Amino acid sequence: MSHWGVRAALLLGLIASTASAQSKRYPADPIDKDREAEQKSKLWDNATNPRTKPYEELVEQGRRAISDRTEDAYQLAVTTLGEASAYALRGTAHMELRNWTECAKDLEAAAAKTT
């Protein structure tokens, strides 16, 4: 092998070894196995049941609205949770609005779904 061939081989070996080495000063971020599994699970759930994601988003919006504790927010929660058919949470919003009949209907519907 020529003089330049040896230098090229050494240079390529040096580049390959430094490119694959992990810095000890700045270690790689640890992998969160639980988070990774959760993301894969959500991906699979959304792929097999596309309606799951909108449902979860609607429920989360309803929960945030209830936590605002204003009459307008409770009305928004009733509407949003109605779209999601989240009866127990919607019943909570009706209770805060003192819509007792609607509250009772929603809580009965939620109880019927769990039995």
N, C-alpha and C. Protein backbone atom coordinates (compact mmCIF):
# COMPACT_ATOMS: atom_id res chain seq x y z
N MET A 1 0.86 -1.17 0.00
CA MET A 1 0.00 0.00 0.00
C MET A 1 0.90 1.23 0.00
N SER A 2 0.48 2.23 -0.74
CA SER A 2 1.31 3.43 -0.84
C SER A 2 1.22 4.25 0.44
N HIS A 3 2.10 5.22 0.52
CA HIS A 3 2.16 6.11 1.68
C HIS A 3 0.84 6.84 1.86
N TRP A 4 0.24 7.29 0.77
CA TRP A 4 -1.04 8.01 0.85
C TRP A 4 -2.18 7.07 1.20
N GLY A 5 -2.10 5.85 0.77
CA GLY A 5 -3.14 4.86 1.08
C GLY A 5 -3.18 4.55 2.56
N VAL A 6 -1.98 4.46 3.18
CA VAL A 6 -1.91 4.20 4.62
C VAL A 6 -2.50 5.38 5.38
N ARG A 7 -2.14 6.59 4.99
CA ARG A 7 -2.67 7.79 5.66
C ARG A 7 -4.19 7.86 5.52
N ALA A 8 -4.70 7.55 4.35
CA ALA A 8 -6.15 7.59 4.12
C ALA A 8 -6.86 6.57 5.00
N ALA A 9 -6.29 5.36 5.10
CA ALA A 9 -6.89 4.32 5.93
C ALA A 9 -6.88 4.72 7.39
N LEU A 10 -5.78 5.31 7.87
CA LEU A 10 -5.70 5.76 9.25
C LEU A 10 -6.69 6.89 9.52
N LEU A 11 -6.79 7.80 8.57
CA LEU A 11 -7.71 8.92 8.72
C LEU A 11 -9.16 8.43 8.78
N LEU A 12 -9.53 7.50 7.90
CA LEU A 12 -10.88 6.95 7.92
C LEU A 12 -11.15 6.20 9.22
N GLY A 13 -10.17 5.47 9.71
CA GLY A 13 -10.33 4.77 10.99
C GLY A 13 -10.52 5.73 12.14
N LEU A 14 -9.78 6.82 12.13
CA LEU A 14 -9.88 7.83 13.18
C LEU A 14 -11.24 8.51 13.14
N ILE A 15 -11.71 8.86 11.96
CA ILE A 15 -13.02 9.51 11.82
C ILE A 15 -14.13 8.57 12.29
N ALA A 16 -14.07 7.32 11.90
CA ALA A 16 -15.10 6.36 12.28
C ALA A 16 -15.12 6.14 13.79
N SER A 17 -13.96 6.09 14.43
CA SER A 17 -13.93 5.84 15.87
C SER A 17 -14.41 7.04 16.66
N THR A 18 -14.13 8.26 16.22
CA THR A 18 -14.58 9.44 16.96
C THR A 18 -16.05 9.71 16.71
N ALA A 19 -16.57 9.34 15.55
CA ALA A 19 -17.98 9.60 15.25
C ALA A 19 -18.89 8.71 16.08
N SER A 20 -18.46 7.51 16.39
CA SER A 20 -19.31 6.60 17.14
C SER A 20 -19.15 6.71 18.64
N ALA A 21 -18.15 7.41 19.11
CA ALA A 21 -17.91 7.52 20.55
C ALA A 21 -18.88 8.52 21.18
N GLN A 22 -19.39 8.18 22.36
CA GLN A 22 -20.28 9.07 23.09
C GLN A 22 -19.45 9.91 24.05
N SER A 23 -19.74 11.17 24.09
CA SER A 23 -19.02 12.08 24.96
C SER A 23 -19.26 11.73 26.42
N LYS A 24 -18.22 11.66 27.21
CA LYS A 24 -18.37 11.42 28.64
C LYS A 24 -18.76 12.69 29.36
N ARG A 25 -18.38 13.80 28.79
CA ARG A 25 -18.70 15.08 29.41
C ARG A 25 -20.17 15.42 29.21
N TYR A 26 -20.72 15.07 28.06
CA TYR A 26 -22.12 15.33 27.73
C TYR A 26 -22.79 14.00 27.37
N PRO A 27 -23.18 13.24 28.36
CA PRO A 27 -23.77 11.93 28.06
C PRO A 27 -25.12 12.07 27.36
N ALA A 28 -25.50 11.02 26.69
CA ALA A 28 -26.79 11.01 25.99
C ALA A 28 -27.92 11.08 27.00
N ASP A 29 -29.04 11.67 26.57
CA ASP A 29 -30.20 11.74 27.44
C ASP A 29 -30.71 10.33 27.70
N PRO A 30 -31.09 10.05 28.95
CA PRO A 30 -31.60 8.70 29.25
C PRO A 30 -32.94 8.48 28.55
N ILE A 31 -33.20 7.25 28.20
CA ILE A 31 -34.44 6.90 27.52
C ILE A 31 -35.48 6.54 28.58
N ASP A 32 -36.62 7.19 28.52
CA ASP A 32 -37.72 6.91 29.43
C ASP A 32 -38.57 5.80 28.82
N LYS A 33 -38.37 4.59 29.28
CA LYS A 33 -39.05 3.42 28.71
C LYS A 33 -40.57 3.52 28.87
N ASP A 34 -41.03 4.03 30.02
CA ASP A 34 -42.47 4.14 30.24
C ASP A 34 -43.10 5.13 29.26
N ARG A 35 -42.44 6.27 29.08
CA ARG A 35 -42.97 7.28 28.15
C ARG A 35 -42.98 6.75 26.72
N GLU A 36 -41.92 6.04 26.36
CA GLU A 36 -41.83 5.47 25.02
C GLU A 36 -42.95 4.46 24.80
N ALA A 37 -43.20 3.62 25.80
CA ALA A 37 -44.27 2.63 25.69
C ALA A 37 -45.64 3.30 25.62
N GLU A 38 -45.82 4.36 26.39
CA GLU A 38 -47.09 5.09 26.38
C GLU A 38 -47.35 5.72 25.01
N GLN A 39 -46.31 6.31 24.42
CA GLN A 39 -46.46 6.93 23.10
C GLN A 39 -46.80 5.88 22.05
N LYS A 40 -46.14 4.72 22.12
CA LYS A 40 -46.43 3.66 21.17
C LYS A 40 -47.86 3.17 21.36
N SER A 41 -48.29 3.07 22.62
CA SER A 41 -49.64 2.61 22.92
C SER A 41 -50.67 3.59 22.37
N LYS A 42 -50.44 4.91 22.58
CA LYS A 42 -51.37 5.91 22.07
C LYS A 42 -51.40 5.89 20.54
N LEU A 43 -50.24 5.71 19.93
CA LEU A 43 -50.18 5.63 18.48
C LEU A 43 -51.02 4.47 17.99
N TRP A 44 -50.87 3.31 18.63
CA TRP A 44 -51.63 2.14 18.22
C TRP A 44 -53.12 2.36 18.46
N ASP A 45 -53.48 2.92 19.62
CA ASP A 45 -54.89 3.17 19.92
C ASP A 45 -55.51 4.13 18.91
N ASN A 46 -54.78 5.19 18.57
CA ASN A 46 -55.30 6.15 17.60
C ASN A 46 -55.41 5.55 16.20
N ALA A 47 -54.51 4.64 15.88
CA ALA A 47 -54.55 4.01 14.56
C ALA A 47 -55.71 3.01 14.47
N THR A 48 -55.96 2.27 15.55
CA THR A 48 -57.02 1.27 15.51
C THR A 48 -58.39 1.86 15.82
N ASN A 49 -58.42 2.98 16.55
CA ASN A 49 -59.69 3.64 16.87
C ASN A 49 -59.50 5.14 16.73
N PRO A 50 -59.68 5.68 15.54
CA PRO A 50 -59.39 7.09 15.31
C PRO A 50 -60.23 8.06 16.14
N ARG A 51 -61.35 7.60 16.67
CA ARG A 51 -62.20 8.47 17.47
C ARG A 51 -61.64 8.69 18.88
N THR A 52 -60.67 7.92 19.32
CA THR A 52 -60.13 8.03 20.67
C THR A 52 -59.50 9.38 20.91
N LYS A 53 -58.69 9.85 20.00
CA LYS A 53 -57.97 11.10 20.22
C LYS A 53 -58.92 12.29 20.36
N PRO A 54 -59.89 12.48 19.46
CA PRO A 54 -60.81 13.60 19.68
C PRO A 54 -61.55 13.50 21.01
N TYR A 55 -61.92 12.28 21.41
CA TYR A 55 -62.61 12.09 22.69
C TYR A 55 -61.74 12.58 23.84
N GLU A 56 -60.49 12.16 23.86
CA GLU A 56 -59.58 12.56 24.94
C GLU A 56 -59.37 14.07 24.95
N GLU A 57 -59.26 14.67 23.77
CA GLU A 57 -59.08 16.12 23.70
C GLU A 57 -60.31 16.85 24.21
N LEU A 58 -61.50 16.37 23.85
CA LEU A 58 -62.73 17.00 24.32
C LEU A 58 -62.87 16.89 25.84
N VAL A 59 -62.54 15.72 26.37
CA VAL A 59 -62.63 15.53 27.82
C VAL A 59 -61.64 16.46 28.53
N GLU A 60 -60.45 16.58 28.01
CA GLU A 60 -59.45 17.46 28.62
C GLU A 60 -59.90 18.91 28.56
N GLN A 61 -60.49 19.33 27.46
CA GLN A 61 -61.01 20.70 27.35
C GLN A 61 -62.12 20.92 28.37
N GLY A 62 -62.98 19.92 28.53
CA GLY A 62 -64.06 20.02 29.51
C GLY A 62 -63.53 20.12 30.93
N ARG A 63 -62.52 19.32 31.24
CA ARG A 63 -61.92 19.39 32.59
C ARG A 63 -61.30 20.76 32.86
N ARG A 64 -60.61 21.28 31.87
CA ARG A 64 -60.01 22.61 32.06
C ARG A 64 -61.10 23.66 32.26
N ALA A 65 -62.17 23.55 31.50
CA ALA A 65 -63.26 24.52 31.65
C ALA A 65 -63.88 24.43 33.04
N ILE A 66 -64.10 23.23 33.54
CA ILE A 66 -64.66 23.06 34.88
C ILE A 66 -63.72 23.66 35.92
N SER A 67 -62.42 23.48 35.73
CA SER A 67 -61.46 23.99 36.72
C SER A 67 -61.40 25.52 36.73
N ASP A 68 -61.90 26.18 35.67
CA ASP A 68 -61.92 27.65 35.64
C ASP A 68 -62.97 28.21 36.59
N ARG A 69 -63.99 27.44 36.90
CA ARG A 69 -65.02 27.79 37.88
C ARG A 69 -65.76 29.10 37.60
N THR A 70 -66.11 29.32 36.34
CA THR A 70 -66.96 30.45 35.98
C THR A 70 -68.19 29.89 35.27
N GLU A 71 -69.25 30.66 35.25
CA GLU A 71 -70.48 30.18 34.62
C GLU A 71 -70.28 29.92 33.13
N ASP A 72 -69.56 30.82 32.46
CA ASP A 72 -69.28 30.62 31.03
C ASP A 72 -68.45 29.37 30.79
N ALA A 73 -67.49 29.13 31.69
CA ALA A 73 -66.65 27.94 31.55
C ALA A 73 -67.47 26.68 31.77
N TYR A 74 -68.40 26.70 32.73
CA TYR A 74 -69.27 25.54 32.94
C TYR A 74 -70.15 25.29 31.72
N GLN A 75 -70.65 26.35 31.10
CA GLN A 75 -71.46 26.19 29.89
C GLN A 75 -70.62 25.57 28.76
N LEU A 76 -69.38 26.04 28.64
CA LEU A 76 -68.47 25.48 27.65
C LEU A 76 -68.22 24.00 27.94
N ALA A 77 -68.04 23.67 29.21
CA ALA A 77 -67.81 22.28 29.60
C ALA A 77 -69.00 21.41 29.24
N VAL A 78 -70.21 21.90 29.46
CA VAL A 78 -71.41 21.14 29.12
C VAL A 78 -71.43 20.84 27.62
N THR A 79 -71.14 21.84 26.81
CA THR A 79 -71.14 21.65 25.36
C THR A 79 -70.04 20.69 24.93
N THR A 80 -68.83 20.93 25.41
CA THR A 80 -67.68 20.10 25.02
C THR A 80 -67.85 18.66 25.47
N LEU A 81 -68.25 18.47 26.71
CA LEU A 81 -68.41 17.12 27.24
C LEU A 81 -69.62 16.42 26.62
N GLY A 82 -70.59 17.19 26.16
CA GLY A 82 -71.71 16.60 25.44
C GLY A 82 -71.26 15.99 24.12
N GLU A 83 -70.33 16.66 23.45
CA GLU A 83 -69.78 16.12 22.20
C GLU A 83 -69.03 14.83 22.45
N ALA A 84 -68.40 14.73 23.61
CA ALA A 84 -67.62 13.54 23.94
C ALA A 84 -68.46 12.45 24.61
N SER A 85 -69.71 12.77 24.95
CA SER A 85 -70.56 11.85 25.73
C SER A 85 -69.90 11.46 27.04
N ALA A 86 -69.25 12.41 27.67
CA ALA A 86 -68.61 12.20 28.97
C ALA A 86 -69.61 12.62 30.04
N TYR A 87 -70.53 11.71 30.35
CA TYR A 87 -71.68 12.04 31.17
C TYR A 87 -71.33 12.43 32.60
N ALA A 88 -70.42 11.75 33.23
CA ALA A 88 -70.11 12.05 34.63
C ALA A 88 -69.54 13.46 34.77
N LEU A 89 -68.61 13.82 33.90
CA LEU A 89 -68.04 15.17 33.98
C LEU A 89 -69.07 16.23 33.58
N ARG A 90 -69.88 15.92 32.59
CA ARG A 90 -70.91 16.87 32.19
C ARG A 90 -71.91 17.04 33.33
N GLY A 91 -72.19 15.95 34.04
CA GLY A 91 -73.07 16.04 35.21
C GLY A 91 -72.49 16.96 36.27
N THR A 92 -71.18 16.94 36.44
CA THR A 92 -70.50 17.85 37.37
C THR A 92 -70.70 19.30 36.95
N ALA A 93 -70.56 19.56 35.66
CA ALA A 93 -70.75 20.93 35.16
C ALA A 93 -72.20 21.37 35.37
N HIS A 94 -73.16 20.47 35.10
CA HIS A 94 -74.56 20.80 35.35
C HIS A 94 -74.81 21.06 36.83
N MET A 95 -74.17 20.30 37.69
CA MET A 95 -74.33 20.50 39.12
C MET A 95 -73.85 21.90 39.53
N GLU A 96 -72.72 22.32 39.00
CA GLU A 96 -72.19 23.65 39.31
C GLU A 96 -73.11 24.75 38.78
N LEU A 97 -73.80 24.47 37.67
CA LEU A 97 -74.75 25.44 37.13
C LEU A 97 -76.12 25.35 37.80
N ARG A 98 -76.27 24.37 38.69
CA ARG A 98 -77.52 24.10 39.42
C ARG A 98 -78.65 23.68 38.46
N ASN A 99 -78.27 22.99 37.39
CA ASN A 99 -79.24 22.38 36.49
C ASN A 99 -79.47 20.96 36.99
N TRP A 100 -80.30 20.85 38.02
CA TRP A 100 -80.42 19.58 38.74
C TRP A 100 -80.97 18.46 37.87
N THR A 101 -81.95 18.74 37.04
CA THR A 101 -82.54 17.70 36.20
C THR A 101 -81.50 17.15 35.22
N GLU A 102 -80.78 18.05 34.56
CA GLU A 102 -79.75 17.61 33.60
C GLU A 102 -78.61 16.89 34.32
N CYS A 103 -78.29 17.37 35.51
CA CYS A 103 -77.24 16.71 36.30
C CYS A 103 -77.63 15.27 36.61
N ALA A 104 -78.87 15.08 37.06
CA ALA A 104 -79.35 13.74 37.39
C ALA A 104 -79.34 12.83 36.16
N LYS A 105 -79.78 13.36 35.01
CA LYS A 105 -79.79 12.55 33.78
C LYS A 105 -78.38 12.10 33.40
N ASP A 106 -77.44 13.03 33.47
CA ASP A 106 -76.07 12.68 33.08
C ASP A 106 -75.45 11.69 34.05
N LEU A 107 -75.67 11.88 35.34
CA LEU A 107 -75.09 10.95 36.31
C LEU A 107 -75.73 9.56 36.20
N GLU A 108 -77.03 9.51 35.90
CA GLU A 108 -77.68 8.22 35.67
C GLU A 108 -77.12 7.54 34.42
N ALA A 109 -76.90 8.32 33.37
CA ALA A 109 -76.32 7.77 32.12
C ALA A 109 -74.92 7.24 32.38
N ALA A 110 -74.13 7.98 33.16
CA ALA A 110 -72.77 7.54 33.48
C ALA A 110 -72.81 6.25 34.30
N ALA A 111 -73.74 6.17 35.26
CA ALA A 111 -73.85 4.96 36.07
C ALA A 111 -74.28 3.78 35.21
N ALA A 112 -75.17 4.01 34.26
CA ALA A 112 -75.63 2.92 33.38
C ALA A 112 -74.51 2.41 32.50
N LYS A 113 -73.60 3.29 32.09
CA LYS A 113 -72.47 2.87 31.24
C LYS A 113 -71.47 2.02 32.02
N THR A 114 -71.36 2.23 33.33
CA THR A 114 -70.35 1.51 34.11
C THR A 114 -70.86 0.16 34.58
N THR A 115 -72.16 -0.08 34.53
CA THR A 115 -72.69 -1.38 34.98
C THR A 115 -72.99 -2.30 33.84
